[in-house]
């Protein structure tokens, strides 16, 4: 069985992922590869566009990431709105808000 981390490493080498940096309280900064999504969604019956930012990553790589933390992706800072386990818990998905 292939570990989820190996799949993410292969995807990173292929250029499919982006680097995310997180600085937990009283700990050194952590950098890992994440799947970053920023799809646009039409709101207000087409009068506006909303972006729902999310990252998906191996749960073992950003252990302790919680609501309210900040993550830097591509030079832009985002605040974590929610973190959820995906599937069997080997992956996590965090929804983000741009600061």
PDB file of N, CA and C in Angstrom:
ATOM      1  N   UNK A   1       0.840  -1.179   0.000  1.00  0.00           N
ATOM      2  CA  UNK A   1       0.000   0.000   0.000  1.00  0.00           C
ATOM      3  C   UNK A   1       0.888   1.247   0.000  1.00  0.00           C
ATOM      4  N   UNK A   2       0.532   2.213  -0.812  1.00  0.00           N
ATOM      5  CA  UNK A   2       1.307   3.444  -0.943  1.00  0.00           C
ATOM      6  C   UNK A   2       0.824   4.455   0.084  1.00  0.00           C
ATOM      7  N   UNK A   3       1.757   5.066   0.794  1.00  0.00           N
ATOM      8  CA  UNK A   3       1.407   6.095   1.780  1.00  0.00           C
ATOM      9  C   UNK A   3       0.966   7.359   1.052  1.00  0.00           C
ATOM     10  N   UNK A   4       0.012   8.056   1.637  1.00  0.00           N
ATOM     11  CA  UNK A   4      -0.516   9.285   1.037  1.00  0.00           C
ATOM     12  C   UNK A   4       0.598  10.318   0.837  1.00  0.00           C
ATOM     13  N   UNK A   5       1.578  10.329   1.742  1.00  0.00           N
ATOM     14  CA  UNK A   5       2.695  11.269   1.620  1.00  0.00           C
ATOM     15  C   UNK A   5       3.477  11.028   0.329  1.00  0.00           C
ATOM     16  N   UNK A   6       3.632   9.761  -0.066  1.00  0.00           N
ATOM     17  CA  UNK A   6       4.336   9.434  -1.308  1.00  0.00           C
ATOM     18  C   UNK A   6       3.584   9.966  -2.522  1.00  0.00           C
ATOM     19  N   UNK A   7       2.268   9.892  -2.495  1.00  0.00           N
ATOM     20  CA  UNK A   7       1.473  10.434  -3.598  1.00  0.00           C
ATOM     21  C   UNK A   7       1.620  11.948  -3.701  1.00  0.00           C
ATOM     22  N   UNK A   8       1.602  12.615  -2.554  1.00  0.00           N
ATOM     23  CA  UNK A   8       1.771  14.074  -2.559  1.00  0.00           C
ATOM     24  C   UNK A   8       3.172  14.457  -3.020  1.00  0.00           C
ATOM     25  N   UNK A   9       4.178  13.700  -2.620  1.00  0.00           N
ATOM     26  CA  UNK A   9       5.547  13.981  -3.062  1.00  0.00           C
ATOM     27  C   UNK A   9       5.658  13.852  -4.586  1.00  0.00           C
ATOM     28  N   UNK A  10       5.046  12.814  -5.151  1.00  0.00           N
ATOM     29  CA  UNK A  10       5.070  12.623  -6.601  1.00  0.00           C
ATOM     30  C   UNK A  10       4.323  13.754  -7.312  1.00  0.00           C
ATOM     31  N   UNK A  11       3.185  14.163  -6.772  1.00  0.00           N
ATOM     32  CA  UNK A  11       2.425  15.261  -7.361  1.00  0.00           C
ATOM     33  C   UNK A  11       3.214  16.568  -7.302  1.00  0.00           C
ATOM     34  N   UNK A  12       3.955  16.776  -6.218  1.00  0.00           N
ATOM     35  CA  UNK A  12       4.777  17.985  -6.083  1.00  0.00           C
ATOM     36  C   UNK A  12       5.891  17.991  -7.130  1.00  0.00           C
ATOM     37  N   UNK A  13       6.535  16.838  -7.323  1.00  0.00           N
ATOM     38  CA  UNK A  13       7.603  16.745  -8.333  1.00  0.00           C
ATOM     39  C   UNK A  13       7.068  16.988  -9.736  1.00  0.00           C
ATOM     40  N   UNK A  14       5.793  16.702  -9.947  1.00  0.00           N
ATOM     41  CA  UNK A  14       5.166  16.912 -11.259  1.00  0.00           C
ATOM     42  C   UNK A  14       4.648  18.334 -11.433  1.00  0.00           C
ATOM     43  N   UNK A  15       4.760  19.158 -10.400  1.00  0.00           N
ATOM     44  CA  UNK A  15       4.328  20.545 -10.490  1.00  0.00           C
ATOM     45  C   UNK A  15       2.837  20.750 -10.270  1.00  0.00           C
ATOM     46  N   UNK A  16       2.167  19.785  -9.648  1.00  0.00           N
ATOM     47  CA  UNK A  16       0.728  19.880  -9.456  1.00  0.00           C
ATOM     48  C   UNK A  16       0.324  20.537  -8.139  1.00  0.00           C
ATOM     49  N   UNK A  17       1.268  20.756  -7.249  1.00  0.00           N
ATOM     50  CA  UNK A  17       0.955  21.289  -5.925  1.00  0.00           C
ATOM     51  C   UNK A  17       1.656  22.617  -5.692  1.00  0.00           C
ATOM     52  N   UNK A  18       1.231  23.303  -4.639  1.00  0.00           N
ATOM     53  CA  UNK A  18       1.860  24.575  -4.259  1.00  0.00           C
ATOM     54  C   UNK A  18       2.404  24.460  -2.841  1.00  0.00           C
ATOM     55  N   UNK A  19       3.423  25.263  -2.560  1.00  0.00           N
ATOM     56  CA  UNK A  19       3.993  25.276  -1.213  1.00  0.00           C
ATOM     57  C   UNK A  19       3.133  26.120  -0.285  1.00  0.00           C
ATOM     58  N   UNK A  20       2.915  25.587   0.904  1.00  0.00           N
ATOM     59  CA  UNK A  20       2.198  26.314   1.949  1.00  0.00           C
ATOM     60  C   UNK A  20       3.104  26.392   3.163  1.00  0.00           C
ATOM     61  N   UNK A  21       3.143  27.563   3.785  1.00  0.00           N
ATOM     62  CA  UNK A  21       3.961  27.762   4.977  1.00  0.00           C
ATOM     63  C   UNK A  21       3.051  28.143   6.128  1.00  0.00           C
ATOM     64  N   UNK A  22       3.270  27.483   7.253  1.00  0.00           N
ATOM     65  CA  UNK A  22       2.462  27.688   8.455  1.00  0.00           C
ATOM     66  C   UNK A  22       3.407  27.879   9.621  1.00  0.00           C
ATOM     67  N   UNK A  23       3.136  28.856  10.455  1.00  0.00           N
ATOM     68  CA  UNK A  23       3.955  29.120  11.640  1.00  0.00           C
ATOM     69  C   UNK A  23       3.105  28.892  12.884  1.00  0.00           C
ATOM     70  N   UNK A  24       3.131  27.664  13.429  1.00  0.00           N
ATOM     71  CA  UNK A  24       2.358  27.407  14.644  1.00  0.00           C
ATOM     72  C   UNK A  24       2.900  28.207  15.822  1.00  0.00           C
ATOM     73  N   UNK A  25       2.054  28.432  16.825  1.00  0.00           N
ATOM     74  CA  UNK A  25       2.473  29.172  18.017  1.00  0.00           C
ATOM     75  C   UNK A  25       3.701  28.537  18.653  1.00  0.00           C
ATOM     76  N   UNK A  26       4.684  29.338  18.951  1.00  0.00           N
ATOM     77  CA  UNK A  26       5.885  28.924  19.669  1.00  0.00           C
ATOM     78  C   UNK A  26       6.601  27.737  19.021  1.00  0.00           C
ATOM     79  N   UNK A  27       6.547  27.637  17.706  1.00  0.00           N
ATOM     80  CA  UNK A  27       7.228  26.555  16.999  1.00  0.00           C
ATOM     81  C   UNK A  27       7.804  27.103  15.695  1.00  0.00           C
ATOM     82  N   UNK A  28       8.788  26.419  15.136  1.00  0.00           N
ATOM     83  CA  UNK A  28       9.348  26.886  13.863  1.00  0.00           C
ATOM     84  C   UNK A  28       8.342  26.763  12.720  1.00  0.00           C
ATOM     85  N   UNK A  29       8.556  27.578  11.703  1.00  0.00           N
ATOM     86  CA  UNK A  29       7.686  27.551  10.525  1.00  0.00           C
ATOM     87  C   UNK A  29       7.764  26.188   9.852  1.00  0.00           C
ATOM     88  N   UNK A  30       6.632  25.728   9.323  1.00  0.00           N
ATOM     89  CA  UNK A  30       6.564  24.461   8.614  1.00  0.00           C
ATOM     90  C   UNK A  30       6.147  24.740   7.176  1.00  0.00           C
ATOM     91  N   UNK A  31       6.810  24.087   6.226  1.00  0.00           N
ATOM     92  CA  UNK A  31       6.458  24.230   4.818  1.00  0.00           C
ATOM     93  C   UNK A  31       6.178  22.851   4.250  1.00  0.00           C
ATOM     94  N   UNK A  32       5.096  22.742   3.500  1.00  0.00           N
ATOM     95  CA  UNK A  32       4.741  21.475   2.856  1.00  0.00           C
ATOM     96  C   UNK A  32       4.006  21.756   1.558  1.00  0.00           C
ATOM     97  N   UNK A  33       3.891  20.725   0.747  1.00  0.00           N
ATOM     98  CA  UNK A  33       3.167  20.830  -0.512  1.00  0.00           C
ATOM     99  C   UNK A  33       1.689  20.531  -0.278  1.00  0.00           C
ATOM    100  N   UNK A  34       0.818  21.352  -0.858  1.00  0.00           N
ATOM    101  CA  UNK A  34      -0.631  21.186  -0.702  1.00  0.00           C
ATOM    102  C   UNK A  34      -1.322  21.322  -2.049  1.00  0.00           C
ATOM    103  N   UNK A  35      -2.499  20.730  -2.134  1.00  0.00           N
ATOM    104  CA  UNK A  35      -3.373  20.980  -3.281  1.00  0.00           C
ATOM    105  C   UNK A  35      -4.169  22.229  -2.929  1.00  0.00           C
ATOM    106  N   UNK A  36      -3.978  23.294  -3.684  1.00  0.00           N
ATOM    107  CA  UNK A  36      -4.641  24.572  -3.404  1.00  0.00           C
ATOM    108  C   UNK A  36      -5.707  24.803  -4.459  1.00  0.00           C
ATOM    109  N   UNK A  37      -6.904  25.131  -4.003  1.00  0.00           N
ATOM    110  CA  UNK A  37      -8.008  25.417  -4.922  1.00  0.00           C
ATOM    111  C   UNK A  37      -8.615  26.774  -4.590  1.00  0.00           C
ATOM    112  N   UNK A  38      -8.932  27.520  -5.650  1.00  0.00           N
ATOM    113  CA  UNK A  38      -9.580  28.816  -5.500  1.00  0.00           C
ATOM    114  C   UNK A  38     -10.646  28.958  -6.583  1.00  0.00           C
ATOM    115  N   UNK A  39     -11.646  28.065  -6.575  1.00  0.00           N
ATOM    116  CA  UNK A  39     -12.670  28.137  -7.621  1.00  0.00           C
ATOM    117  C   UNK A  39     -13.601  29.319  -7.401  1.00  0.00           C
ATOM    118  N   UNK A  40     -13.974  29.957  -8.486  1.00  0.00           N
ATOM    119  CA  UNK A  40     -14.938  31.055  -8.420  1.00  0.00           C
ATOM    120  C   UNK A  40     -16.352  30.479  -8.464  1.00  0.00           C
ATOM    121  N   UNK A  41     -17.235  31.055  -7.662  1.00  0.00           N
ATOM    122  CA  UNK A  41     -18.627  30.619  -7.607  1.00  0.00           C
ATOM    123  C   UNK A  41     -19.522  31.833  -7.783  1.00  0.00           C
ATOM    124  N   UNK A  42     -20.479  31.724  -8.653  1.00  0.00           N
ATOM    125  CA  UNK A  42     -21.419  32.813  -8.885  1.00  0.00           C
ATOM    126  C   UNK A  42     -22.371  32.928  -7.693  1.00  0.00           C
ATOM    127  N   UNK A  43     -22.547  34.154  -7.209  1.00  0.00           N
ATOM    128  CA  UNK A  43     -23.469  34.397  -6.097  1.00  0.00           C
ATOM    129  C   UNK A  43     -24.427  35.521  -6.467  1.00  0.00           C
ATOM    130  N   UNK A  44     -25.452  35.689  -5.672  1.00  0.00           N
ATOM    131  CA  UNK A  44     -26.449  36.748  -5.864  1.00  0.00           C
ATOM    132  C   UNK A  44     -27.039  36.710  -7.267  1.00  0.00           C
ATOM    133  N   UNK A  45     -27.397  35.492  -7.694  1.00  0.00           N
ATOM    134  CA  UNK A  45     -28.024  35.290  -9.001  1.00  0.00           C
ATOM    135  C   UNK A  45     -27.173  35.865 -10.133  1.00  0.00           C
ATOM    136  N   UNK A  46     -25.848  35.650 -10.037  1.00  0.00           N
ATOM    137  CA  UNK A  46     -24.942  36.071 -11.091  1.00  0.00           C
ATOM    138  C   UNK A  46     -24.416  37.482 -10.969  1.00  0.00           C
ATOM    139  N   UNK A  47     -24.782  38.201  -9.924  1.00  0.00           N
ATOM    140  CA  UNK A  47     -24.344  39.590  -9.778  1.00  0.00           C
ATOM    141  C   UNK A  47     -22.963  39.707  -9.128  1.00  0.00           C
ATOM    142  N   UNK A  48     -22.458  38.609  -8.586  1.00  0.00           N
ATOM    143  CA  UNK A  48     -21.156  38.654  -7.937  1.00  0.00           C
ATOM    144  C   UNK A  48     -20.454  37.316  -8.030  1.00  0.00           C
ATOM    145  N   UNK A  49     -19.192  37.311  -7.630  1.00  0.00           N
ATOM    146  CA  UNK A  49     -18.392  36.096  -7.643  1.00  0.00           C
ATOM    147  C   UNK A  49     -17.752  35.940  -6.274  1.00  0.00           C
ATOM    148  N   UNK A  50     -17.844  34.741  -5.737  1.00  0.00           N
ATOM    149  CA  UNK A  50     -17.237  34.420  -4.449  1.00  0.00           C
ATOM    150  C   UNK A  50     -16.172  33.357  -4.672  1.00  0.00           C
ATOM    151  N   UNK A  51     -15.076  33.437  -3.947  1.00  0.00           N
ATOM    152  CA  UNK A  51     -14.021  32.446  -4.057  1.00  0.00           C
ATOM    153  C   UNK A  51     -13.933  31.682  -2.749  1.00  0.00           C
ATOM    154  N   UNK A  52     -14.008  30.360  -2.844  1.00  0.00           N
ATOM    155  CA  UNK A  52     -13.914  29.492  -1.681  1.00  0.00           C
ATOM    156  C   UNK A  52     -12.547  28.813  -1.720  1.00  0.00           C
ATOM    157  N   UNK A  53     -11.596  29.344  -0.970  1.00  0.00           N
ATOM    158  CA  UNK A  53     -10.242  28.811  -0.971  1.00  0.00           C
ATOM    159  C   UNK A  53     -10.163  27.565  -0.095  1.00  0.00           C
ATOM    160  N   UNK A  54      -9.506  26.519  -0.597  1.00  0.00           N
ATOM    161  CA  UNK A  54      -9.290  25.313   0.194  1.00  0.00           C
ATOM    162  C   UNK A  54      -7.907  24.747  -0.086  1.00  0.00           C
ATOM    163  N   UNK A  55      -7.377  24.035   0.905  1.00  0.00           N
ATOM    164  CA  UNK A  55      -6.169  23.246   0.707  1.00  0.00           C
ATOM    165  C   UNK A  55      -6.461  21.824   1.158  1.00  0.00           C
ATOM    166  N   UNK A  56      -5.788  20.895   0.511  1.00  0.00           N
ATOM    167  CA  UNK A  56      -5.872  19.484   0.888  1.00  0.00           C
ATOM    168  C   UNK A  56      -4.439  19.004   1.026  1.00  0.00           C
ATOM    169  N   UNK A  57      -4.159  18.243   2.074  1.00  0.00           N
ATOM    170  CA  UNK A  57      -2.775  17.878   2.392  1.00  0.00           C
ATOM    171  C   UNK A  57      -2.748  16.618   3.253  1.00  0.00           C
ATOM    172  N   UNK A  58      -1.595  15.924   3.302  1.00  0.00           N
ATOM    173  CA  UNK A  58      -1.482  14.774   4.206  1.00  0.00           C
ATOM    174  C   UNK A  58      -1.623  15.251   5.653  1.00  0.00           C
ATOM    175  N   UNK A  59      -2.453  14.585   6.415  1.00  0.00           N
ATOM    176  CA  UNK A  59      -2.700  14.999   7.796  1.00  0.00           C
ATOM    177  C   UNK A  59      -1.424  14.993   8.636  1.00  0.00           C
ATOM    178  N   UNK A  60      -0.469  14.175   8.264  1.00  0.00           N
ATOM    179  CA  UNK A  60       0.780  14.078   9.033  1.00  0.00           C
ATOM    180  C   UNK A  60       1.717  15.255   8.793  1.00  0.00           C
ATOM    181  N   UNK A  61       1.430  16.088   7.815  1.00  0.00           N
ATOM    182  CA  UNK A  61       2.354  17.170   7.465  1.00  0.00           C
ATOM    183  C   UNK A  61       2.043  18.507   8.128  1.00  0.00           C
ATOM    184  N   UNK A  62       0.811  18.755   8.490  1.00  0.00           N
ATOM    185  CA  UNK A  62       0.453  20.003   9.179  1.00  0.00           C
ATOM    186  C   UNK A  62      -0.331  19.656  10.445  1.00  0.00           C
ATOM    187  N   UNK A  63       0.277  18.823  11.260  1.00  0.00           N
ATOM    188  CA  UNK A  63      -0.373  18.374  12.501  1.00  0.00           C
ATOM    189  C   UNK A  63      -0.586  19.574  13.412  1.00  0.00           C
ATOM    190  N   UNK A  64      -1.808  19.773  13.861  1.00  0.00           N
ATOM    191  CA  UNK A  64      -2.106  20.873  14.772  1.00  0.00           C
ATOM    192  C   UNK A  64      -2.663  22.110  14.101  1.00  0.00           C
ATOM    193  N   UNK A  65      -2.792  22.109  12.765  1.00  0.00           N
ATOM    194  CA  UNK A  65      -3.393  23.245  12.070  1.00  0.00           C
ATOM    195  C   UNK A  65      -4.853  23.355  12.509  1.00  0.00           C
ATOM    196  N   UNK A  66      -5.250  24.537  12.982  1.00  0.00           N
ATOM    197  CA  UNK A  66      -6.599  24.725  13.506  1.00  0.00           C
ATOM    198  C   UNK A  66      -7.201  26.033  13.010  1.00  0.00           C
ATOM    199  N   UNK A  67      -8.496  26.158  13.233  1.00  0.00           N
ATOM    200  CA  UNK A  67      -9.220  27.375  12.884  1.00  0.00           C
ATOM    201  C   UNK A  67      -8.545  28.583  13.517  1.00  0.00           C
ATOM    202  N   UNK A  68      -8.371  29.645  12.723  1.00  0.00           N
ATOM    203  CA  UNK A  68      -7.758  30.870  13.214  1.00  0.00           C
ATOM    204  C   UNK A  68      -6.286  30.992  12.875  1.00  0.00           C
ATOM    205  N   UNK A  69      -5.618  29.877  12.573  1.00  0.00           N
ATOM    206  CA  UNK A  69      -4.210  29.936  12.166  1.00  0.00           C
ATOM    207  C   UNK A  69      -4.102  30.612  10.808  1.00  0.00           C
ATOM    208  N   UNK A  70      -2.904  31.046  10.447  1.00  0.00           N
ATOM    209  CA  UNK A  70      -2.677  31.615   9.126  1.00  0.00           C
ATOM    210  C   UNK A  70      -1.708  30.740   8.347  1.00  0.00           C
ATOM    211  N   UNK A  71      -1.924  30.712   7.027  1.00  0.00           N
ATOM    212  CA  UNK A  71      -1.112  29.923   6.108  1.00  0.00           C
ATOM    213  C   UNK A  71      -0.737  30.831   4.946  1.00  0.00           C
ATOM    214  N   UNK A  72       0.527  30.788   4.528  1.00  0.00           N
ATOM    215  CA  UNK A  72       0.982  31.557   3.371  1.00  0.00           C
ATOM    216  C   UNK A  72       1.110  30.627   2.173  1.00  0.00           C
ATOM    217  N   UNK A  73       0.469  31.015   1.060  1.00  0.00           N
ATOM    218  CA  UNK A  73       0.533  30.246  -0.178  1.00  0.00           C
ATOM    219  C   UNK A  73       0.781  31.227  -1.312  1.00  0.00           C
ATOM    220  N   UNK A  74       1.867  31.052  -2.019  1.00  0.00           N
ATOM    221  CA  UNK A  74       2.180  31.930  -3.144  1.00  0.00           C
ATOM    222  C   UNK A  74       2.321  33.383  -2.755  1.00  0.00           C
ATOM    223  N   UNK A  75       2.816  33.650  -1.550  1.00  0.00           N
ATOM    224  CA  UNK A  75       3.015  35.012  -1.095  1.00  0.00           C
ATOM    225  C   UNK A  75       1.754  35.693  -0.567  1.00  0.00           C
ATOM    226  N   UNK A  76       0.660  34.969  -0.476  1.00  0.00           N
ATOM    227  CA  UNK A  76      -0.595  35.512   0.034  1.00  0.00           C
ATOM    228  C   UNK A  76      -0.943  34.803   1.333  1.00  0.00           C
ATOM    229  N   UNK A  77      -1.413  35.566   2.308  1.00  0.00           N
ATOM    230  CA  UNK A  77      -1.758  35.002   3.615  1.00  0.00           C
ATOM    231  C   UNK A  77      -3.252  34.733   3.689  1.00  0.00           C
ATOM    232  N   UNK A  78      -3.577  33.548   4.205  1.00  0.00           N
ATOM    233  CA  UNK A  78      -4.960  33.117   4.377  1.00  0.00           C
ATOM    234  C   UNK A  78      -5.186  32.721   5.835  1.00  0.00           C
ATOM    235  N   UNK A  79      -6.384  32.963   6.331  1.00  0.00           N
ATOM    236  CA  UNK A  79      -6.767  32.516   7.672  1.00  0.00           C
ATOM    237  C   UNK A  79      -7.564  31.224   7.535  1.00  0.00           C
ATOM    238  N   UNK A  80      -7.241  30.249   8.379  1.00  0.00           N
ATOM    239  CA  UNK A  80      -7.935  28.963   8.358  1.00  0.00           C
ATOM    240  C   UNK A  80      -9.323  29.128   8.970  1.00  0.00           C
ATOM    241  N   UNK A  81     -10.350  28.757   8.221  1.00  0.00           N
ATOM    242  CA  UNK A  81     -11.730  28.838   8.705  1.00  0.00           C
ATOM    243  C   UNK A  81     -12.184  27.527   9.332  1.00  0.00           C
ATOM    244  N   UNK A  82     -11.719  26.405   8.768  1.00  0.00           N
ATOM    245  CA  UNK A  82     -12.162  25.099   9.253  1.00  0.00           C
ATOM    246  C   UNK A  82     -11.187  24.040   8.752  1.00  0.00           C
ATOM    247  N   UNK A  83     -10.961  23.012   9.563  1.00  0.00           N
ATOM    248  CA  UNK A  83     -10.124  21.873   9.169  1.00  0.00           C
ATOM    249  C   UNK A  83     -10.935  20.605   9.377  1.00  0.00           C
ATOM    250  N   UNK A  84     -10.944  19.741   8.347  1.00  0.00           N
ATOM    251  CA  UNK A  84     -11.691  18.480   8.428  1.00  0.00           C
ATOM    252  C   UNK A  84     -10.840  17.338   7.912  1.00  0.00           C
ATOM    253  N   UNK A  85     -11.024  16.182   8.501  1.00  0.00           N
ATOM    254  CA  UNK A  85     -10.385  14.965   8.008  1.00  0.00           C
ATOM    255  C   UNK A  85     -11.096  14.518   6.741  1.00  0.00           C
ATOM    256  N   UNK A  86     -10.338  13.937   5.814  1.00  0.00           N
ATOM    257  CA  UNK A  86     -10.884  13.441   4.561  1.00  0.00           C
ATOM    258  C   UNK A  86     -10.692  11.928   4.521  1.00  0.00           C
ATOM    259  N   UNK A  87     -11.723  11.225   4.090  1.00  0.00           N
ATOM    260  CA  UNK A  87     -11.631   9.770   3.927  1.00  0.00           C
ATOM    261  C   UNK A  87     -11.279   9.057   5.216  1.00  0.00           C
ATOM    262  N   UNK A  88     -10.181   8.311   5.195  1.00  0.00           N
ATOM    263  CA  UNK A  88      -9.767   7.517   6.357  1.00  0.00           C
ATOM    264  C   UNK A  88      -8.975   8.331   7.375  1.00  0.00           C
ATOM    265  N   UNK A  89      -8.845   9.631   7.159  1.00  0.00           N
ATOM    266  CA  UNK A  89      -8.125  10.494   8.097  1.00  0.00           C
ATOM    267  C   UNK A  89      -6.662  10.717   7.736  1.00  0.00           C
ATOM    268  N   UNK A  90      -6.201  10.103   6.663  1.00  0.00           N
ATOM    269  CA  UNK A  90      -4.809  10.301   6.258  1.00  0.00           C
ATOM    270  C   UNK A  90      -4.612  11.643   5.551  1.00  0.00           C
ATOM    271  N   UNK A  91      -5.700  12.256   5.101  1.00  0.00           N
ATOM    272  CA  UNK A  91      -5.658  13.583   4.488  1.00  0.00           C
ATOM    273  C   UNK A  91      -6.553  14.528   5.274  1.00  0.00           C
ATOM    274  N   UNK A  92      -6.257  15.822   5.158  1.00  0.00           N
ATOM    275  CA  UNK A  92      -7.096  16.856   5.757  1.00  0.00           C
ATOM    276  C   UNK A  92      -7.419  17.897   4.698  1.00  0.00           C
ATOM    277  N   UNK A  93      -8.552  18.572   4.884  1.00  0.00           N
ATOM    278  CA  UNK A  93      -8.944  19.687   4.018  1.00  0.00           C
ATOM    279  C   UNK A  93      -9.241  20.877   4.902  1.00  0.00           C
ATOM    280  N   UNK A  94      -8.665  22.002   4.555  1.00  0.00           N
ATOM    281  CA  UNK A  94      -8.901  23.233   5.303  1.00  0.00           C
ATOM    282  C   UNK A  94      -9.524  24.257   4.374  1.00  0.00           C
ATOM    283  N   UNK A  95     -10.589  24.909   4.841  1.00  0.00           N
ATOM    284  CA  UNK A  95     -11.150  26.028   4.095  1.00  0.00           C
ATOM    285  C   UNK A  95     -10.474  27.294   4.618  1.00  0.00           C
ATOM    286  N   UNK A  96     -10.221  28.216   3.701  1.00  0.00           N
ATOM    287  CA  UNK A  96      -9.429  29.408   4.017  1.00  0.00           C
ATOM    288  C   UNK A  96     -10.165  30.680   3.621  1.00  0.00           C
ATOM    289  N   UNK A  97      -9.781  31.771   4.263  1.00  0.00           N
ATOM    290  CA  UNK A  97     -10.262  33.102   3.888  1.00  0.00           C
ATOM    291  C   UNK A  97      -9.040  33.980   3.649  1.00  0.00           C
ATOM    292  N   UNK A  98      -9.047  34.689   2.545  1.00  0.00           N
ATOM    293  CA  UNK A  98      -7.910  35.563   2.228  1.00  0.00           C
ATOM    294  C   UNK A  98      -7.918  36.779   3.140  1.00  0.00           C
ATOM    295  N   UNK A  99      -6.746  37.113   3.653  1.00  0.00           N
ATOM    296  CA  UNK A  99      -6.625  38.297   4.527  1.00  0.00           C
ATOM    297  C   UNK A  99      -6.347  39.543   3.717  1.00  0.00           C
TER     298      UNK A  99
END
